[in-house]
């Protein structure tokens, strides 16, 4: 974490990684809401499909924008490495989605917010936001030092 604070190049990479994460989150939330709301799919399944879509988007953006100098590995091998890291992130994510959705729903139902958005919609999206935040930190550090470890740490 210190390297992000002290090294300009690494800080820029982290900011790009976060921007890619925002794009991936938009894909993630959009696909999750599409499958969950329109097709009535349970959150864990909709969230898994949305996760896979976001991973593919994130890999493309990270390979060509965040780490353009990381090309010593063939794209297929690097994609497999990226997926391994992200599948581990999925293993972290699914229990968060599974165990936090119900208590979060109860919380939003108790709050009785006077807005036109349903407590179920708020709970699903809030739960997904927590999961995305936790997994983002995991993904950055492991991808930076394993998947993209062929990129030097310049000052």
N, C-alpha and C. Protein backbone atom coordinates (compact mmCIF):
# COMPACT_ATOMS: atom_id res chain seq x y z
N UNK A 1 0.83 -1.19 0.00
CA UNK A 1 0.00 0.00 0.00
C UNK A 1 0.88 1.26 0.00
N UNK A 2 2.01 1.20 0.66
CA UNK A 2 2.91 2.34 0.74
C UNK A 2 3.41 2.74 -0.64
N UNK A 3 3.66 1.74 -1.51
CA UNK A 3 4.17 2.03 -2.85
C UNK A 3 3.17 2.89 -3.64
N UNK A 4 1.89 2.72 -3.41
CA UNK A 4 0.88 3.53 -4.10
C UNK A 4 0.97 4.98 -3.64
N UNK A 5 1.26 5.18 -2.38
CA UNK A 5 1.33 6.53 -1.84
C UNK A 5 2.62 7.24 -2.22
N UNK A 6 3.71 6.49 -2.36
CA UNK A 6 5.01 7.12 -2.57
C UNK A 6 5.52 7.09 -4.01
N UNK A 7 5.00 6.22 -4.84
CA UNK A 7 5.49 6.06 -6.20
C UNK A 7 4.46 6.59 -7.19
N UNK A 8 4.82 7.63 -7.94
CA UNK A 8 3.90 8.28 -8.86
C UNK A 8 3.36 7.33 -9.93
N UNK A 9 4.22 6.49 -10.49
CA UNK A 9 3.80 5.56 -11.54
C UNK A 9 2.80 4.54 -10.97
N UNK A 10 3.10 4.00 -9.80
CA UNK A 10 2.19 3.03 -9.18
C UNK A 10 0.87 3.69 -8.77
N UNK A 11 0.95 4.92 -8.32
CA UNK A 11 -0.28 5.65 -7.96
C UNK A 11 -1.15 5.86 -9.21
N UNK A 12 -0.51 6.22 -10.32
CA UNK A 12 -1.24 6.38 -11.58
C UNK A 12 -1.86 5.06 -12.01
N UNK A 13 -1.11 3.97 -11.88
CA UNK A 13 -1.66 2.65 -12.21
C UNK A 13 -2.87 2.32 -11.34
N UNK A 14 -2.75 2.61 -10.05
CA UNK A 14 -3.87 2.33 -9.14
C UNK A 14 -5.09 3.16 -9.53
N UNK A 15 -4.89 4.42 -9.86
CA UNK A 15 -6.01 5.27 -10.27
C UNK A 15 -6.64 4.76 -11.57
N UNK A 16 -5.81 4.32 -12.51
CA UNK A 16 -6.35 3.73 -13.74
C UNK A 16 -7.10 2.44 -13.42
N UNK A 17 -6.53 1.62 -12.53
CA UNK A 17 -7.18 0.38 -12.12
C UNK A 17 -8.54 0.68 -11.50
N UNK A 18 -8.60 1.74 -10.70
CA UNK A 18 -9.88 2.14 -10.09
C UNK A 18 -10.86 2.61 -11.16
N UNK A 19 -10.38 3.36 -12.14
CA UNK A 19 -11.27 3.82 -13.23
C UNK A 19 -11.80 2.62 -14.00
N UNK A 20 -10.93 1.66 -14.28
CA UNK A 20 -11.37 0.43 -14.94
C UNK A 20 -12.38 -0.28 -14.05
N UNK A 21 -12.15 -0.24 -12.76
CA UNK A 21 -13.09 -0.84 -11.81
C UNK A 21 -14.45 -0.17 -11.85
N UNK A 22 -14.47 1.14 -12.05
CA UNK A 22 -15.75 1.86 -12.16
C UNK A 22 -16.50 1.38 -13.41
N UNK A 23 -15.77 1.23 -14.51
CA UNK A 23 -16.39 0.71 -15.73
C UNK A 23 -16.90 -0.71 -15.47
N UNK A 24 -16.06 -1.52 -14.84
CA UNK A 24 -16.45 -2.89 -14.51
C UNK A 24 -17.64 -2.92 -13.56
N UNK A 25 -17.67 -1.99 -12.62
CA UNK A 25 -18.81 -1.92 -11.69
C UNK A 25 -20.09 -1.56 -12.43
N UNK A 26 -19.99 -0.66 -13.42
CA UNK A 26 -21.17 -0.31 -14.21
C UNK A 26 -21.67 -1.54 -14.97
N UNK A 27 -20.75 -2.29 -15.54
CA UNK A 27 -21.12 -3.54 -16.22
C UNK A 27 -21.73 -4.50 -15.20
N UNK A 28 -21.08 -4.63 -14.05
CA UNK A 28 -21.52 -5.54 -13.00
C UNK A 28 -22.93 -5.20 -12.51
N UNK A 29 -23.14 -3.96 -12.12
CA UNK A 29 -24.45 -3.54 -11.61
C UNK A 29 -25.51 -3.63 -12.70
N UNK A 30 -25.16 -3.21 -13.92
CA UNK A 30 -26.13 -3.25 -15.02
C UNK A 30 -26.59 -4.65 -15.33
N UNK A 31 -25.65 -5.57 -15.47
CA UNK A 31 -26.00 -6.95 -15.78
C UNK A 31 -26.74 -7.60 -14.61
N UNK A 32 -26.26 -7.33 -13.37
CA UNK A 32 -26.94 -7.90 -12.19
C UNK A 32 -28.39 -7.44 -12.13
N UNK A 33 -28.62 -6.15 -12.33
CA UNK A 33 -29.99 -5.63 -12.27
C UNK A 33 -30.84 -6.16 -13.43
N UNK A 34 -30.25 -6.29 -14.59
CA UNK A 34 -30.98 -6.83 -15.73
C UNK A 34 -31.46 -8.26 -15.43
N UNK A 35 -30.54 -9.11 -14.99
CA UNK A 35 -30.90 -10.51 -14.73
C UNK A 35 -31.78 -10.67 -13.50
N UNK A 36 -31.53 -9.85 -12.49
CA UNK A 36 -32.28 -9.95 -11.24
C UNK A 36 -33.69 -9.37 -11.37
N UNK A 37 -33.78 -8.17 -11.91
CA UNK A 37 -35.07 -7.49 -11.97
C UNK A 37 -35.93 -7.95 -13.15
N UNK A 38 -35.34 -7.99 -14.34
CA UNK A 38 -36.13 -8.35 -15.52
C UNK A 38 -36.42 -9.84 -15.62
N UNK A 39 -35.45 -10.67 -15.21
CA UNK A 39 -35.63 -12.10 -15.36
C UNK A 39 -35.90 -12.82 -14.04
N UNK A 40 -35.95 -12.08 -12.93
CA UNK A 40 -36.27 -12.67 -11.63
C UNK A 40 -35.23 -13.65 -11.11
N UNK A 41 -34.01 -13.52 -11.55
CA UNK A 41 -32.94 -14.43 -11.14
C UNK A 41 -32.47 -14.09 -9.73
N UNK A 42 -32.20 -15.09 -8.87
CA UNK A 42 -31.67 -14.80 -7.53
C UNK A 42 -30.35 -14.02 -7.61
N UNK A 43 -30.08 -13.22 -6.58
CA UNK A 43 -28.91 -12.35 -6.56
C UNK A 43 -27.60 -13.10 -6.75
N UNK A 44 -27.44 -14.24 -6.11
CA UNK A 44 -26.17 -14.97 -6.23
C UNK A 44 -25.91 -15.36 -7.68
N UNK A 45 -26.92 -15.83 -8.40
CA UNK A 45 -26.75 -16.21 -9.81
C UNK A 45 -26.56 -14.98 -10.69
N UNK A 46 -27.42 -13.99 -10.52
CA UNK A 46 -27.31 -12.77 -11.32
C UNK A 46 -25.97 -12.09 -11.06
N UNK A 47 -25.54 -12.09 -9.80
CA UNK A 47 -24.26 -11.48 -9.43
C UNK A 47 -23.07 -12.25 -9.97
N UNK A 48 -23.20 -13.55 -10.13
CA UNK A 48 -22.12 -14.35 -10.70
C UNK A 48 -21.97 -14.08 -12.19
N UNK A 49 -23.08 -14.03 -12.90
CA UNK A 49 -23.04 -13.73 -14.34
C UNK A 49 -22.50 -12.32 -14.56
N UNK A 50 -22.97 -11.38 -13.75
CA UNK A 50 -22.50 -10.00 -13.91
C UNK A 50 -21.01 -9.89 -13.60
N UNK A 51 -20.55 -10.68 -12.65
CA UNK A 51 -19.14 -10.72 -12.28
C UNK A 51 -18.29 -11.16 -13.48
N UNK A 52 -18.70 -12.21 -14.16
CA UNK A 52 -17.95 -12.71 -15.30
C UNK A 52 -17.88 -11.66 -16.41
N UNK A 53 -18.99 -10.98 -16.66
CA UNK A 53 -19.00 -9.91 -17.67
C UNK A 53 -18.05 -8.79 -17.28
N UNK A 54 -18.05 -8.43 -16.01
CA UNK A 54 -17.17 -7.36 -15.53
C UNK A 54 -15.70 -7.77 -15.61
N UNK A 55 -15.39 -9.02 -15.32
CA UNK A 55 -14.00 -9.49 -15.38
C UNK A 55 -13.47 -9.38 -16.81
N UNK A 56 -14.27 -9.78 -17.77
CA UNK A 56 -13.82 -9.69 -19.16
C UNK A 56 -13.58 -8.23 -19.55
N UNK A 57 -14.49 -7.35 -19.18
CA UNK A 57 -14.31 -5.93 -19.45
C UNK A 57 -13.04 -5.41 -18.77
N UNK A 58 -12.87 -5.74 -17.50
CA UNK A 58 -11.71 -5.26 -16.74
C UNK A 58 -10.39 -5.77 -17.32
N UNK A 59 -10.37 -7.03 -17.75
CA UNK A 59 -9.13 -7.57 -18.32
C UNK A 59 -8.73 -6.78 -19.55
N UNK A 60 -9.67 -6.54 -20.44
CA UNK A 60 -9.37 -5.81 -21.68
C UNK A 60 -8.85 -4.41 -21.35
N UNK A 61 -9.56 -3.68 -20.48
CA UNK A 61 -9.13 -2.32 -20.11
C UNK A 61 -7.77 -2.33 -19.41
N UNK A 62 -7.56 -3.26 -18.49
CA UNK A 62 -6.28 -3.29 -17.77
C UNK A 62 -5.12 -3.68 -18.68
N UNK A 63 -5.32 -4.64 -19.54
CA UNK A 63 -4.24 -5.06 -20.43
C UNK A 63 -3.82 -3.94 -21.38
N UNK A 64 -4.78 -3.20 -21.89
CA UNK A 64 -4.46 -2.21 -22.92
C UNK A 64 -4.33 -0.78 -22.41
N UNK A 65 -4.79 -0.50 -21.19
CA UNK A 65 -4.71 0.88 -20.70
C UNK A 65 -3.91 0.99 -19.40
N UNK A 66 -4.26 0.22 -18.39
CA UNK A 66 -3.57 0.32 -17.10
C UNK A 66 -2.15 -0.21 -17.19
N UNK A 67 -1.97 -1.36 -17.83
CA UNK A 67 -0.66 -2.01 -17.93
C UNK A 67 -0.29 -2.26 -19.40
N UNK A 68 -0.22 -1.21 -20.23
CA UNK A 68 0.09 -1.44 -21.65
C UNK A 68 1.50 -2.00 -21.86
N UNK A 69 2.38 -1.81 -20.88
CA UNK A 69 3.75 -2.31 -20.98
C UNK A 69 3.87 -3.74 -20.46
N UNK A 70 2.76 -4.37 -20.15
CA UNK A 70 2.76 -5.75 -19.66
C UNK A 70 2.35 -6.68 -20.79
N UNK A 71 3.27 -6.92 -21.68
CA UNK A 71 2.93 -7.74 -22.84
C UNK A 71 3.95 -8.87 -23.04
N UNK A 72 4.74 -9.18 -22.02
CA UNK A 72 5.73 -10.24 -22.20
C UNK A 72 5.07 -11.62 -22.19
N UNK A 73 3.86 -11.72 -21.65
CA UNK A 73 3.13 -12.99 -21.64
C UNK A 73 2.12 -13.00 -22.77
N UNK A 74 1.86 -14.17 -23.32
CA UNK A 74 0.78 -14.26 -24.31
C UNK A 74 -0.55 -13.87 -23.66
N UNK A 75 -1.44 -13.27 -24.44
CA UNK A 75 -2.71 -12.77 -23.92
C UNK A 75 -3.52 -13.87 -23.26
N UNK A 76 -3.51 -15.07 -23.83
CA UNK A 76 -4.31 -16.17 -23.27
C UNK A 76 -3.80 -16.54 -21.87
N UNK A 77 -2.49 -16.59 -21.70
CA UNK A 77 -1.92 -16.93 -20.39
C UNK A 77 -2.25 -15.84 -19.36
N UNK A 78 -2.11 -14.60 -19.78
CA UNK A 78 -2.40 -13.50 -18.88
C UNK A 78 -3.88 -13.46 -18.51
N UNK A 79 -4.75 -13.76 -19.47
CA UNK A 79 -6.18 -13.82 -19.19
C UNK A 79 -6.49 -14.92 -18.17
N UNK A 80 -5.84 -16.07 -18.31
CA UNK A 80 -6.04 -17.15 -17.33
C UNK A 80 -5.59 -16.70 -15.95
N UNK A 81 -4.44 -16.06 -15.87
CA UNK A 81 -3.95 -15.56 -14.57
C UNK A 81 -4.94 -14.57 -13.98
N UNK A 82 -5.41 -13.64 -14.81
CA UNK A 82 -6.37 -12.63 -14.37
C UNK A 82 -7.66 -13.30 -13.87
N UNK A 83 -8.12 -14.32 -14.60
CA UNK A 83 -9.33 -15.03 -14.18
C UNK A 83 -9.12 -15.78 -12.87
N UNK A 84 -7.93 -16.36 -12.66
CA UNK A 84 -7.66 -17.07 -11.40
C UNK A 84 -7.78 -16.10 -10.22
N UNK A 85 -7.19 -14.93 -10.37
CA UNK A 85 -7.28 -13.91 -9.33
C UNK A 85 -8.74 -13.52 -9.10
N UNK A 86 -9.46 -13.32 -10.18
CA UNK A 86 -10.85 -12.88 -10.08
C UNK A 86 -11.79 -13.97 -9.60
N UNK A 87 -11.50 -15.23 -9.92
CA UNK A 87 -12.31 -16.33 -9.38
C UNK A 87 -12.11 -16.42 -7.87
N UNK A 88 -10.88 -16.18 -7.43
CA UNK A 88 -10.65 -16.12 -5.99
C UNK A 88 -11.45 -14.97 -5.40
N UNK A 89 -11.49 -13.85 -6.12
CA UNK A 89 -12.33 -12.73 -5.70
C UNK A 89 -13.80 -13.12 -5.66
N UNK A 90 -14.22 -13.94 -6.61
CA UNK A 90 -15.60 -14.43 -6.62
C UNK A 90 -15.88 -15.29 -5.39
N UNK A 91 -14.90 -16.09 -5.00
CA UNK A 91 -15.04 -16.93 -3.80
C UNK A 91 -15.19 -16.04 -2.56
N UNK A 92 -14.55 -14.90 -2.56
CA UNK A 92 -14.71 -13.92 -1.47
C UNK A 92 -16.08 -13.25 -1.58
N UNK A 93 -16.50 -12.96 -2.80
CA UNK A 93 -17.72 -12.19 -3.08
C UNK A 93 -19.02 -12.94 -2.79
N UNK A 94 -19.12 -14.19 -3.21
CA UNK A 94 -20.39 -14.92 -3.10
C UNK A 94 -20.89 -15.01 -1.65
N UNK A 95 -20.05 -15.34 -0.68
CA UNK A 95 -20.57 -15.35 0.70
C UNK A 95 -21.04 -13.97 1.17
N UNK A 96 -20.36 -12.92 0.71
CA UNK A 96 -20.81 -11.57 1.08
C UNK A 96 -22.21 -11.34 0.54
N UNK A 97 -22.43 -11.67 -0.74
CA UNK A 97 -23.76 -11.51 -1.34
C UNK A 97 -24.80 -12.37 -0.62
N UNK A 98 -24.42 -13.61 -0.34
CA UNK A 98 -25.36 -14.56 0.26
C UNK A 98 -25.75 -14.15 1.69
N UNK A 99 -24.77 -13.81 2.50
CA UNK A 99 -25.04 -13.57 3.92
C UNK A 99 -25.45 -12.15 4.24
N UNK A 100 -25.12 -11.18 3.41
CA UNK A 100 -25.47 -9.78 3.72
C UNK A 100 -26.79 -9.33 3.12
N UNK A 101 -27.28 -10.02 2.09
CA UNK A 101 -28.49 -9.55 1.43
C UNK A 101 -29.69 -9.48 2.38
N UNK A 102 -29.96 -10.54 3.13
CA UNK A 102 -31.13 -10.56 4.03
C UNK A 102 -31.05 -9.50 5.13
N UNK A 103 -29.92 -9.41 5.87
CA UNK A 103 -29.87 -8.37 6.89
C UNK A 103 -29.95 -6.96 6.31
N UNK A 104 -29.37 -6.77 5.13
CA UNK A 104 -29.43 -5.46 4.50
C UNK A 104 -30.86 -5.14 4.08
N UNK A 105 -31.57 -6.15 3.57
CA UNK A 105 -32.97 -5.95 3.20
C UNK A 105 -33.80 -5.58 4.43
N UNK A 106 -33.58 -6.29 5.54
CA UNK A 106 -34.32 -5.97 6.78
C UNK A 106 -34.01 -4.54 7.23
N UNK A 107 -32.76 -4.13 7.10
CA UNK A 107 -32.38 -2.77 7.49
C UNK A 107 -33.12 -1.74 6.64
N UNK A 108 -33.12 -1.92 5.32
CA UNK A 108 -33.81 -0.97 4.44
C UNK A 108 -35.33 -1.00 4.65
N UNK A 109 -35.88 -2.15 4.98
CA UNK A 109 -37.32 -2.22 5.27
C UNK A 109 -37.64 -1.46 6.56
N UNK A 110 -36.77 -1.57 7.56
CA UNK A 110 -36.99 -0.86 8.83
C UNK A 110 -36.83 0.65 8.68
N UNK A 111 -35.95 1.08 7.79
CA UNK A 111 -35.71 2.51 7.61
C UNK A 111 -36.93 3.21 7.01
N UNK A 112 -37.75 2.47 6.31
CA UNK A 112 -38.96 3.03 5.69
C UNK A 112 -38.69 4.36 4.99
N UNK A 113 -37.76 4.32 4.08
CA UNK A 113 -37.41 5.53 3.34
C UNK A 113 -38.56 5.93 2.43
N UNK A 114 -38.85 7.18 2.38
CA UNK A 114 -39.93 7.69 1.54
C UNK A 114 -39.40 8.03 0.15
N UNK A 115 -38.95 6.98 -0.54
CA UNK A 115 -38.47 7.15 -1.91
C UNK A 115 -39.13 6.09 -2.77
N UNK A 116 -39.07 6.28 -4.05
CA UNK A 116 -39.77 5.36 -4.96
C UNK A 116 -38.96 4.10 -5.28
N UNK A 117 -37.81 3.94 -4.67
CA UNK A 117 -36.98 2.76 -4.91
C UNK A 117 -37.30 1.72 -3.83
N UNK A 118 -37.48 0.49 -4.26
CA UNK A 118 -37.87 -0.57 -3.32
C UNK A 118 -36.71 -0.94 -2.39
N UNK A 119 -37.04 -1.37 -1.16
CA UNK A 119 -36.01 -1.83 -0.24
C UNK A 119 -35.21 -3.00 -0.84
N UNK A 120 -35.85 -3.87 -1.61
CA UNK A 120 -35.15 -5.00 -2.22
C UNK A 120 -34.08 -4.51 -3.20
N UNK A 121 -34.43 -3.54 -4.03
CA UNK A 121 -33.48 -2.97 -4.98
C UNK A 121 -32.30 -2.34 -4.24
N UNK A 122 -32.60 -1.55 -3.22
CA UNK A 122 -31.54 -0.91 -2.42
C UNK A 122 -30.64 -1.95 -1.76
N UNK A 123 -31.25 -2.97 -1.17
CA UNK A 123 -30.48 -3.99 -0.47
C UNK A 123 -29.56 -4.75 -1.41
N UNK A 124 -30.07 -5.14 -2.56
CA UNK A 124 -29.24 -5.88 -3.53
C UNK A 124 -28.07 -5.03 -3.98
N UNK A 125 -28.32 -3.78 -4.30
CA UNK A 125 -27.25 -2.91 -4.80
C UNK A 125 -26.27 -2.52 -3.71
N UNK A 126 -26.74 -2.29 -2.49
CA UNK A 126 -25.85 -1.97 -1.38
C UNK A 126 -24.96 -3.17 -1.05
N UNK A 127 -25.55 -4.36 -1.05
CA UNK A 127 -24.79 -5.59 -0.78
C UNK A 127 -23.73 -5.79 -1.87
N UNK A 128 -24.11 -5.60 -3.12
CA UNK A 128 -23.15 -5.73 -4.21
C UNK A 128 -22.04 -4.70 -4.09
N UNK A 129 -22.36 -3.49 -3.67
CA UNK A 129 -21.34 -2.44 -3.51
C UNK A 129 -20.31 -2.83 -2.45
N UNK A 130 -20.76 -3.42 -1.37
CA UNK A 130 -19.83 -3.88 -0.33
C UNK A 130 -18.92 -4.96 -0.89
N UNK A 131 -19.51 -5.93 -1.58
CA UNK A 131 -18.72 -7.02 -2.14
C UNK A 131 -17.70 -6.51 -3.16
N UNK A 132 -18.11 -5.59 -4.01
CA UNK A 132 -17.23 -5.03 -5.03
C UNK A 132 -16.05 -4.30 -4.37
N UNK A 133 -16.30 -3.56 -3.32
CA UNK A 133 -15.24 -2.81 -2.62
C UNK A 133 -14.20 -3.74 -2.01
N UNK A 134 -14.65 -4.77 -1.35
CA UNK A 134 -13.72 -5.73 -0.73
C UNK A 134 -12.88 -6.43 -1.78
N UNK A 135 -13.53 -6.90 -2.82
CA UNK A 135 -12.83 -7.67 -3.85
C UNK A 135 -11.90 -6.79 -4.68
N UNK A 136 -12.23 -5.51 -4.85
CA UNK A 136 -11.37 -4.60 -5.62
C UNK A 136 -9.97 -4.51 -5.02
N UNK A 137 -9.88 -4.41 -3.71
CA UNK A 137 -8.56 -4.34 -3.07
C UNK A 137 -7.77 -5.62 -3.31
N UNK A 138 -8.41 -6.76 -3.12
CA UNK A 138 -7.78 -8.05 -3.38
C UNK A 138 -7.26 -8.09 -4.82
N UNK A 139 -8.13 -7.76 -5.76
CA UNK A 139 -7.79 -7.86 -7.18
C UNK A 139 -6.62 -6.96 -7.57
N UNK A 140 -6.60 -5.73 -7.06
CA UNK A 140 -5.52 -4.83 -7.45
C UNK A 140 -4.17 -5.40 -7.04
N UNK A 141 -4.03 -5.72 -5.77
CA UNK A 141 -2.71 -6.13 -5.28
C UNK A 141 -2.25 -7.46 -5.87
N UNK A 142 -3.11 -8.41 -5.97
CA UNK A 142 -2.69 -9.71 -6.52
C UNK A 142 -2.43 -9.60 -8.02
N UNK A 143 -3.28 -8.89 -8.74
CA UNK A 143 -3.02 -8.72 -10.17
C UNK A 143 -1.75 -7.93 -10.42
N UNK A 144 -1.53 -6.89 -9.65
CA UNK A 144 -0.33 -6.06 -9.86
C UNK A 144 0.94 -6.87 -9.65
N UNK A 145 0.96 -7.70 -8.62
CA UNK A 145 2.21 -8.39 -8.28
C UNK A 145 2.26 -9.83 -8.77
N UNK A 146 1.26 -10.30 -9.48
CA UNK A 146 1.33 -11.63 -10.09
C UNK A 146 1.01 -11.55 -11.59
N UNK A 147 -0.20 -11.15 -11.94
CA UNK A 147 -0.60 -11.11 -13.34
C UNK A 147 0.24 -10.13 -14.15
N UNK A 148 0.50 -8.96 -13.58
CA UNK A 148 1.23 -7.92 -14.29
C UNK A 148 2.59 -7.65 -13.63
N UNK A 149 3.22 -8.69 -13.11
CA UNK A 149 4.50 -8.50 -12.42
C UNK A 149 5.66 -8.26 -13.39
N UNK A 150 5.41 -8.32 -14.69
CA UNK A 150 6.46 -8.02 -15.66
C UNK A 150 6.60 -6.52 -15.91
N UNK A 151 5.80 -5.73 -15.23
CA UNK A 151 5.87 -4.28 -15.34
C UNK A 151 6.77 -3.79 -14.20
N UNK A 152 7.76 -3.00 -14.53
CA UNK A 152 8.69 -2.50 -13.52
C UNK A 152 8.08 -1.42 -12.66
N UNK A 153 8.62 -1.26 -11.46
CA UNK A 153 8.17 -0.20 -10.54
C UNK A 153 9.07 1.01 -10.74
N UNK A 154 8.70 1.86 -11.67
CA UNK A 154 9.47 3.08 -11.94
C UNK A 154 9.04 4.18 -11.00
N UNK A 155 9.92 5.11 -10.77
CA UNK A 155 9.60 6.25 -9.88
C UNK A 155 9.08 7.39 -10.68
